[in-house]
N, C-alpha and C. Protein backbone atom coordinates (compact mmCIF):
# COMPACT_ATOMS: atom_id res chain seq x y z
N UNK A 1 75.25 139.46 277.69
CA UNK A 1 76.13 138.69 277.30
C UNK A 1 76.90 139.18 277.80
N UNK A 2 77.64 139.26 278.92
CA UNK A 2 79.81 139.93 279.27
C UNK A 2 80.04 139.36 278.31
N UNK A 3 80.98 140.23 277.95
CA UNK A 3 82.26 139.76 277.57
C UNK A 3 82.89 138.25 277.69
N UNK A 4 83.32 138.55 279.40
CA UNK A 4 83.50 137.66 279.70
C UNK A 4 83.28 136.24 279.78
N UNK A 5 81.79 136.52 280.15
CA UNK A 5 81.07 135.07 279.59
C UNK A 5 80.90 134.76 278.70
N UNK A 6 81.54 135.33 277.17
CA UNK A 6 81.00 134.66 276.13
C UNK A 6 82.52 133.57 275.74
N UNK A 7 83.45 135.04 276.33
CA UNK A 7 85.15 134.62 276.42
C UNK A 7 84.62 132.78 276.61
N UNK A 8 84.39 132.63 277.76
CA UNK A 8 84.37 131.53 278.64
C UNK A 8 83.80 130.49 277.45
N UNK A 9 82.39 130.23 277.30
CA UNK A 9 81.90 130.09 276.33
C UNK A 9 82.58 129.28 275.33
N UNK A 10 83.39 130.43 274.51
CA UNK A 10 83.97 130.04 273.35
C UNK A 10 85.14 129.28 273.29
N UNK A 11 85.39 129.09 274.78
CA UNK A 11 86.85 128.68 274.53
C UNK A 11 86.34 127.46 275.22
N UNK A 12 85.43 127.05 275.60
CA UNK A 12 85.06 125.88 276.27
C UNK A 12 84.45 125.10 275.14
N UNK A 13 84.22 125.78 273.93
CA UNK A 13 84.07 124.73 272.45
C UNK A 13 84.96 124.88 271.79
N UNK A 14 86.54 125.18 272.20
CA UNK A 14 87.88 125.31 271.38
C UNK A 14 88.00 126.20 270.71
N UNK A 15 87.38 127.30 270.63
CA UNK A 15 87.83 128.44 270.17
C UNK A 15 89.01 129.32 270.65
N UNK A 16 89.73 129.17 270.01
CA UNK A 16 90.87 129.80 270.41
C UNK A 16 91.02 131.47 270.07
N UNK A 17 91.15 131.47 271.29
CA UNK A 17 90.64 133.31 271.95
C UNK A 17 92.66 134.28 272.28
N UNK A 18 92.52 135.39 271.05
CA UNK A 18 93.35 135.92 271.49
C UNK A 18 93.90 137.08 271.17
N UNK A 19 94.42 138.12 272.25
CA UNK A 19 94.13 139.32 271.82
C UNK A 19 94.52 140.14 270.95
N UNK A 20 94.26 141.42 270.35
CA UNK A 20 94.95 141.68 268.74
C UNK A 20 95.72 143.39 269.13
N UNK A 21 97.11 142.61 270.19
CA UNK A 21 97.32 143.91 269.96
C UNK A 21 96.97 145.13 271.66
N UNK A 22 96.53 146.26 271.18
CA UNK A 22 96.57 147.17 271.75
C UNK A 22 95.14 148.17 271.34
N UNK A 23 94.38 146.91 270.12
CA UNK A 23 93.46 147.84 269.98
C UNK A 23 92.01 147.64 270.42
N UNK A 24 91.85 146.30 271.92
CA UNK A 24 91.10 146.23 272.24
C UNK A 24 89.82 145.05 271.98
N UNK A 25 90.33 144.40 270.78
CA UNK A 25 89.57 142.99 270.83
C UNK A 25 90.40 142.03 270.76
N UNK A 26 89.76 141.12 270.60
CA UNK A 26 89.80 139.56 270.50
C UNK A 26 89.94 138.93 269.32
N UNK A 27 90.96 138.74 268.41
CA UNK A 27 90.63 137.34 267.49
C UNK A 27 90.12 135.88 268.46
N UNK A 28 89.32 135.50 267.01
CA UNK A 28 88.54 134.21 267.67
C UNK A 28 89.34 132.99 266.49
N UNK A 29 89.68 132.25 266.77
CA UNK A 29 90.10 131.23 265.85
C UNK A 29 88.97 129.88 265.56
N UNK A 30 88.16 128.86 264.88
CA UNK A 30 87.27 127.78 264.84
C UNK A 30 88.31 126.84 264.37
N UNK A 31 89.41 126.27 265.39
CA UNK A 31 90.46 125.64 264.33
C UNK A 31 89.15 124.53 263.89
N UNK A 32 88.36 124.04 264.27
CA UNK A 32 87.41 123.02 263.75
C UNK A 32 87.00 123.10 261.79
N UNK A 33 86.58 124.80 262.12
CA UNK A 33 86.66 124.69 260.26
C UNK A 33 87.27 126.32 259.64
N UNK A 34 88.57 126.24 260.20
CA UNK A 34 89.03 127.73 259.81
C UNK A 34 88.42 128.76 260.07
N UNK A 35 87.32 129.23 260.76
CA UNK A 35 86.62 130.47 260.22
C UNK A 35 87.13 131.07 261.53
N UNK A 36 87.13 132.14 261.01
CA UNK A 36 87.88 133.97 261.92
C UNK A 36 86.29 134.84 262.12
N UNK A 37 86.37 135.44 263.69
CA UNK A 37 85.96 136.44 264.09
C UNK A 37 86.27 137.25 265.28
N UNK A 38 86.07 138.54 265.13
CA UNK A 38 86.61 139.58 265.76
C UNK A 38 85.67 139.93 267.30
N UNK A 39 86.28 140.26 268.24
CA UNK A 39 84.78 140.74 269.58
C UNK A 39 86.06 141.31 270.39
N UNK A 40 85.20 142.09 270.39
CA UNK A 40 85.87 143.59 271.63
C UNK A 40 85.82 143.36 272.32
N UNK A 41 87.16 143.87 273.46
CA UNK A 41 87.01 143.50 274.51
C UNK A 41 86.71 144.69 275.23
N UNK A 42 86.27 145.76 275.29
CA UNK A 42 86.49 146.49 275.93
C UNK A 42 85.60 146.75 277.29
N UNK A 43 86.63 145.61 278.27
CA UNK A 43 86.19 145.51 280.16
C UNK A 43 85.17 144.50 280.26
N UNK A 44 85.89 143.49 280.57
CA UNK A 44 84.75 142.05 280.80
C UNK A 44 83.58 142.32 281.59
N UNK A 45 82.99 143.52 282.22
CA UNK A 45 81.98 143.33 282.39
C UNK A 45 80.82 144.47 281.79
N UNK A 46 81.58 144.55 280.46
CA UNK A 46 80.37 144.93 279.89
C UNK A 46 79.50 144.38 278.77
N UNK A 47 78.38 144.56 279.06
CA UNK A 47 77.28 143.45 277.91
C UNK A 47 77.68 144.01 276.37
N UNK A 48 77.78 142.65 275.64
CA UNK A 48 77.52 142.81 274.66
C UNK A 48 75.81 143.04 274.03
N UNK A 49 75.88 143.64 272.62
CA UNK A 49 74.58 143.12 272.03
C UNK A 49 74.04 142.58 271.84
N UNK A 50 73.49 141.44 271.95
CA UNK A 50 72.30 140.68 271.10
C UNK A 50 73.48 140.54 269.54
N UNK A 51 72.79 141.00 268.69
CA UNK A 51 73.66 141.06 267.22
C UNK A 51 74.86 140.87 267.47
N UNK A 52 76.06 141.38 268.30
CA UNK A 52 77.53 141.35 268.15
C UNK A 52 77.55 139.84 267.89
N UNK A 53 76.60 139.54 269.90
CA UNK A 53 76.77 137.84 269.69
C UNK A 53 76.42 136.91 268.78
N UNK A 54 75.36 136.88 268.27
CA UNK A 54 74.98 136.59 267.04
C UNK A 54 75.82 136.25 265.68
N UNK A 55 76.78 137.51 265.81
CA UNK A 55 77.04 137.88 264.52
C UNK A 55 78.38 136.72 264.67
N UNK A 56 79.19 137.02 266.18
CA UNK A 56 80.04 136.31 266.09
C UNK A 56 80.05 135.00 266.46
N UNK A 57 78.69 134.21 266.74
CA UNK A 57 78.50 132.62 266.67
C UNK A 57 78.55 132.40 265.11
N UNK A 58 77.93 132.97 264.11
CA UNK A 58 77.18 133.00 263.35
C UNK A 58 78.87 132.94 262.15
N UNK A 59 80.16 134.00 262.53
CA UNK A 59 81.60 133.67 261.62
C UNK A 59 82.26 132.58 261.92
N UNK A 60 82.47 132.14 263.24
CA UNK A 60 82.92 131.22 263.52
C UNK A 60 81.86 129.62 263.69
N UNK A 61 80.84 129.38 262.18
CA UNK A 61 80.09 128.45 262.31
C UNK A 61 79.45 127.98 263.16
N UNK A 62 79.08 128.22 264.42
CA UNK A 62 78.05 128.27 265.68
C UNK A 62 77.09 128.37 265.66
N UNK A 63 76.06 127.22 265.59
CA UNK A 63 74.41 127.31 265.20
C UNK A 63 74.50 128.75 264.27
């Protein structure tokens, strides 16, 4: 899954996505349960590893 696709999907679920300054990462917040995660944002066309996607979803309390 590409970074841009995951970001779009998370936003559709109500996840708040904010940049973390110049680190090249995005801060993710699930306002429903207060859980947080961090997502690399090294280009919107770059594929994220499957394990990374699963870890982000688990951190946010999704599936």
